[in-house]
Amino acid sequence: MSPLPSESETSLSAAELNARIRELWADGELPDDRRPEYEALVVEWAAAALVDVEHVA
């Protein structure tokens, strides 16, 4: 997978992004070569979580 999310990945929900982040940590630590992917997912998760909160408010 590319370290940066593609257009199709930006439409994932916060829960879906959270699941992908958890998968990266499945072995208890983040492999160094997966850090860019992790960082991109966290940024996408934060944006998706904000949208979720705005919909609830």
N, C-alpha and C. Protein backbone atom coordinates (compact mmCIF):
# COMPACT_ATOMS: atom_id res chain seq x y z
N MET A 1 0.83 -1.18 0.00
CA MET A 1 0.00 0.00 0.00
C MET A 1 0.87 1.24 0.00
N SER A 2 0.42 2.24 -0.67
CA SER A 2 1.12 3.52 -0.72
C SER A 2 1.10 4.18 0.64
N PRO A 3 2.16 4.90 1.04
CA PRO A 3 2.16 5.57 2.35
C PRO A 3 1.14 6.69 2.45
N LEU A 4 0.74 7.24 1.31
CA LEU A 4 -0.25 8.30 1.33
C LEU A 4 -1.58 7.76 0.82
N PRO A 5 -2.67 8.17 1.47
CA PRO A 5 -3.97 7.65 1.04
C PRO A 5 -4.34 8.12 -0.36
N SER A 6 -5.01 7.24 -1.10
CA SER A 6 -5.48 7.63 -2.42
C SER A 6 -6.83 8.30 -2.28
N GLU A 7 -7.36 8.81 -3.37
CA GLU A 7 -8.66 9.48 -3.34
C GLU A 7 -9.74 8.57 -2.76
N SER A 8 -9.74 7.30 -3.15
CA SER A 8 -10.78 6.40 -2.67
C SER A 8 -10.69 6.17 -1.18
N GLU A 9 -9.51 6.24 -0.61
CA GLU A 9 -9.34 5.99 0.82
C GLU A 9 -9.79 7.17 1.67
N THR A 10 -9.86 8.33 1.11
CA THR A 10 -10.24 9.49 1.89
C THR A 10 -11.71 9.45 2.29
N SER A 11 -12.50 8.58 1.69
CA SER A 11 -13.91 8.49 2.03
C SER A 11 -14.18 7.45 3.11
N LEU A 12 -13.15 6.87 3.70
CA LEU A 12 -13.33 5.90 4.77
C LEU A 12 -13.80 6.60 6.04
N SER A 13 -14.60 5.90 6.83
CA SER A 13 -15.07 6.45 8.10
C SER A 13 -13.94 6.43 9.13
N ALA A 14 -14.14 7.17 10.21
CA ALA A 14 -13.15 7.17 11.29
C ALA A 14 -12.97 5.76 11.84
N ALA A 15 -14.05 5.00 11.95
CA ALA A 15 -13.96 3.63 12.46
C ALA A 15 -13.15 2.74 11.52
N GLU A 16 -13.36 2.89 10.22
CA GLU A 16 -12.61 2.09 9.25
C GLU A 16 -11.13 2.46 9.28
N LEU A 17 -10.84 3.74 9.38
CA LEU A 17 -9.45 4.18 9.45
C LEU A 17 -8.80 3.69 10.75
N ASN A 18 -9.55 3.74 11.84
CA ASN A 18 -9.05 3.25 13.11
C ASN A 18 -8.69 1.77 13.03
N ALA A 19 -9.53 1.00 12.36
CA ALA A 19 -9.26 -0.43 12.19
C ALA A 19 -7.97 -0.64 11.40
N ARG A 20 -7.76 0.15 10.37
CA ARG A 20 -6.53 0.02 9.57
C ARG A 20 -5.30 0.40 10.39
N ILE A 21 -5.44 1.44 11.22
CA ILE A 21 -4.34 1.85 12.10
C ILE A 21 -4.02 0.72 13.07
N ARG A 22 -5.05 0.13 13.65
CA ARG A 22 -4.84 -0.98 14.59
C ARG A 22 -4.15 -2.17 13.91
N GLU A 23 -4.48 -2.43 12.65
CA GLU A 23 -3.84 -3.52 11.91
C GLU A 23 -2.33 -3.30 11.81
N LEU A 24 -1.93 -2.04 11.64
CA LEU A 24 -0.49 -1.75 11.54
C LEU A 24 0.24 -2.09 12.85
N TRP A 25 -0.48 -1.98 13.96
CA TRP A 25 0.10 -2.23 15.28
C TRP A 25 -0.20 -3.64 15.78
N ALA A 26 -0.67 -4.52 14.92
CA ALA A 26 -1.12 -5.85 15.32
C ALA A 26 -0.06 -6.65 16.08
N ASP A 27 1.20 -6.46 15.75
CA ASP A 27 2.27 -7.20 16.41
C ASP A 27 2.80 -6.49 17.65
N GLY A 28 2.17 -5.39 18.04
CA GLY A 28 2.59 -4.67 19.24
C GLY A 28 3.57 -3.55 18.98
N GLU A 29 4.06 -3.44 17.77
CA GLU A 29 4.94 -2.33 17.42
C GLU A 29 4.79 -2.02 15.93
N LEU A 30 5.09 -0.79 15.60
CA LEU A 30 4.94 -0.33 14.23
C LEU A 30 6.27 -0.51 13.48
N PRO A 31 6.25 -1.27 12.39
CA PRO A 31 7.47 -1.42 11.60
C PRO A 31 7.89 -0.05 11.02
N ASP A 32 9.17 0.22 11.03
CA ASP A 32 9.67 1.51 10.53
C ASP A 32 9.23 1.80 9.10
N ASP A 33 9.18 0.77 8.27
CA ASP A 33 8.82 1.00 6.87
C ASP A 33 7.32 1.29 6.69
N ARG A 34 6.53 1.12 7.73
CA ARG A 34 5.08 1.40 7.65
C ARG A 34 4.72 2.73 8.32
N ARG A 35 5.72 3.44 8.88
CA ARG A 35 5.44 4.71 9.57
C ARG A 35 4.78 5.75 8.66
N PRO A 36 5.23 5.95 7.42
CA PRO A 36 4.54 6.94 6.56
C PRO A 36 3.06 6.59 6.34
N GLU A 37 2.78 5.32 6.18
CA GLU A 37 1.38 4.89 6.01
C GLU A 37 0.59 5.19 7.28
N TYR A 38 1.17 4.87 8.42
CA TYR A 38 0.53 5.13 9.71
C TYR A 38 0.23 6.62 9.88
N GLU A 39 1.22 7.46 9.60
CA GLU A 39 1.04 8.90 9.75
C GLU A 39 -0.07 9.43 8.84
N ALA A 40 -0.11 8.95 7.61
CA ALA A 40 -1.16 9.37 6.68
C ALA A 40 -2.53 8.92 7.17
N LEU A 41 -2.62 7.70 7.69
CA LEU A 41 -3.89 7.21 8.21
C LEU A 41 -4.35 8.00 9.42
N VAL A 42 -3.43 8.39 10.28
CA VAL A 42 -3.80 9.17 11.47
C VAL A 42 -4.36 10.53 11.05
N VAL A 43 -3.75 11.15 10.06
CA VAL A 43 -4.25 12.44 9.56
C VAL A 43 -5.66 12.26 9.00
N GLU A 44 -5.86 11.22 8.21
CA GLU A 44 -7.18 10.94 7.64
C GLU A 44 -8.19 10.62 8.73
N TRP A 45 -7.76 9.85 9.74
CA TRP A 45 -8.65 9.51 10.86
C TRP A 45 -9.09 10.76 11.60
N ALA A 46 -8.15 11.68 11.86
CA ALA A 46 -8.50 12.91 12.57
C ALA A 46 -9.53 13.72 11.79
N ALA A 47 -9.36 13.81 10.49
CA ALA A 47 -10.32 14.55 9.66
C ALA A 47 -11.67 13.86 9.67
N ALA A 48 -11.69 12.54 9.55
CA ALA A 48 -12.95 11.79 9.56
C ALA A 48 -13.63 11.88 10.92
N ALA A 49 -12.86 11.83 12.00
CA ALA A 49 -13.44 11.94 13.34
C ALA A 49 -14.06 13.32 13.54
N LEU A 50 -13.43 14.35 13.02
CA LEU A 50 -13.98 15.70 13.13
C LEU A 50 -15.31 15.79 12.38
N VAL A 51 -15.39 15.20 11.20
CA VAL A 51 -16.63 15.19 10.44
C VAL A 51 -17.71 14.45 11.24
N ASP A 52 -17.35 13.32 11.85
CA ASP A 52 -18.32 12.56 12.65
C ASP A 52 -18.85 13.41 13.80
N VAL A 53 -17.98 14.14 14.48
CA VAL A 53 -18.38 14.98 15.60
C VAL A 53 -19.27 16.12 15.13
N GLU A 54 -18.94 16.70 14.00
CA GLU A 54 -19.74 17.80 13.46
C GLU A 54 -21.15 17.32 13.09
N HIS A 55 -21.27 16.08 12.63
CA HIS A 55 -22.59 15.54 12.28
C HIS A 55 -23.44 15.31 13.52
N VAL A 56 -22.81 14.95 14.63
CA VAL A 56 -23.52 14.68 15.87
C VAL A 56 -23.96 15.98 16.53
N ALA A 57 -23.14 17.00 16.43
CA ALA A 57 -23.41 18.27 17.11
C ALA A 57 -24.54 19.03 16.52
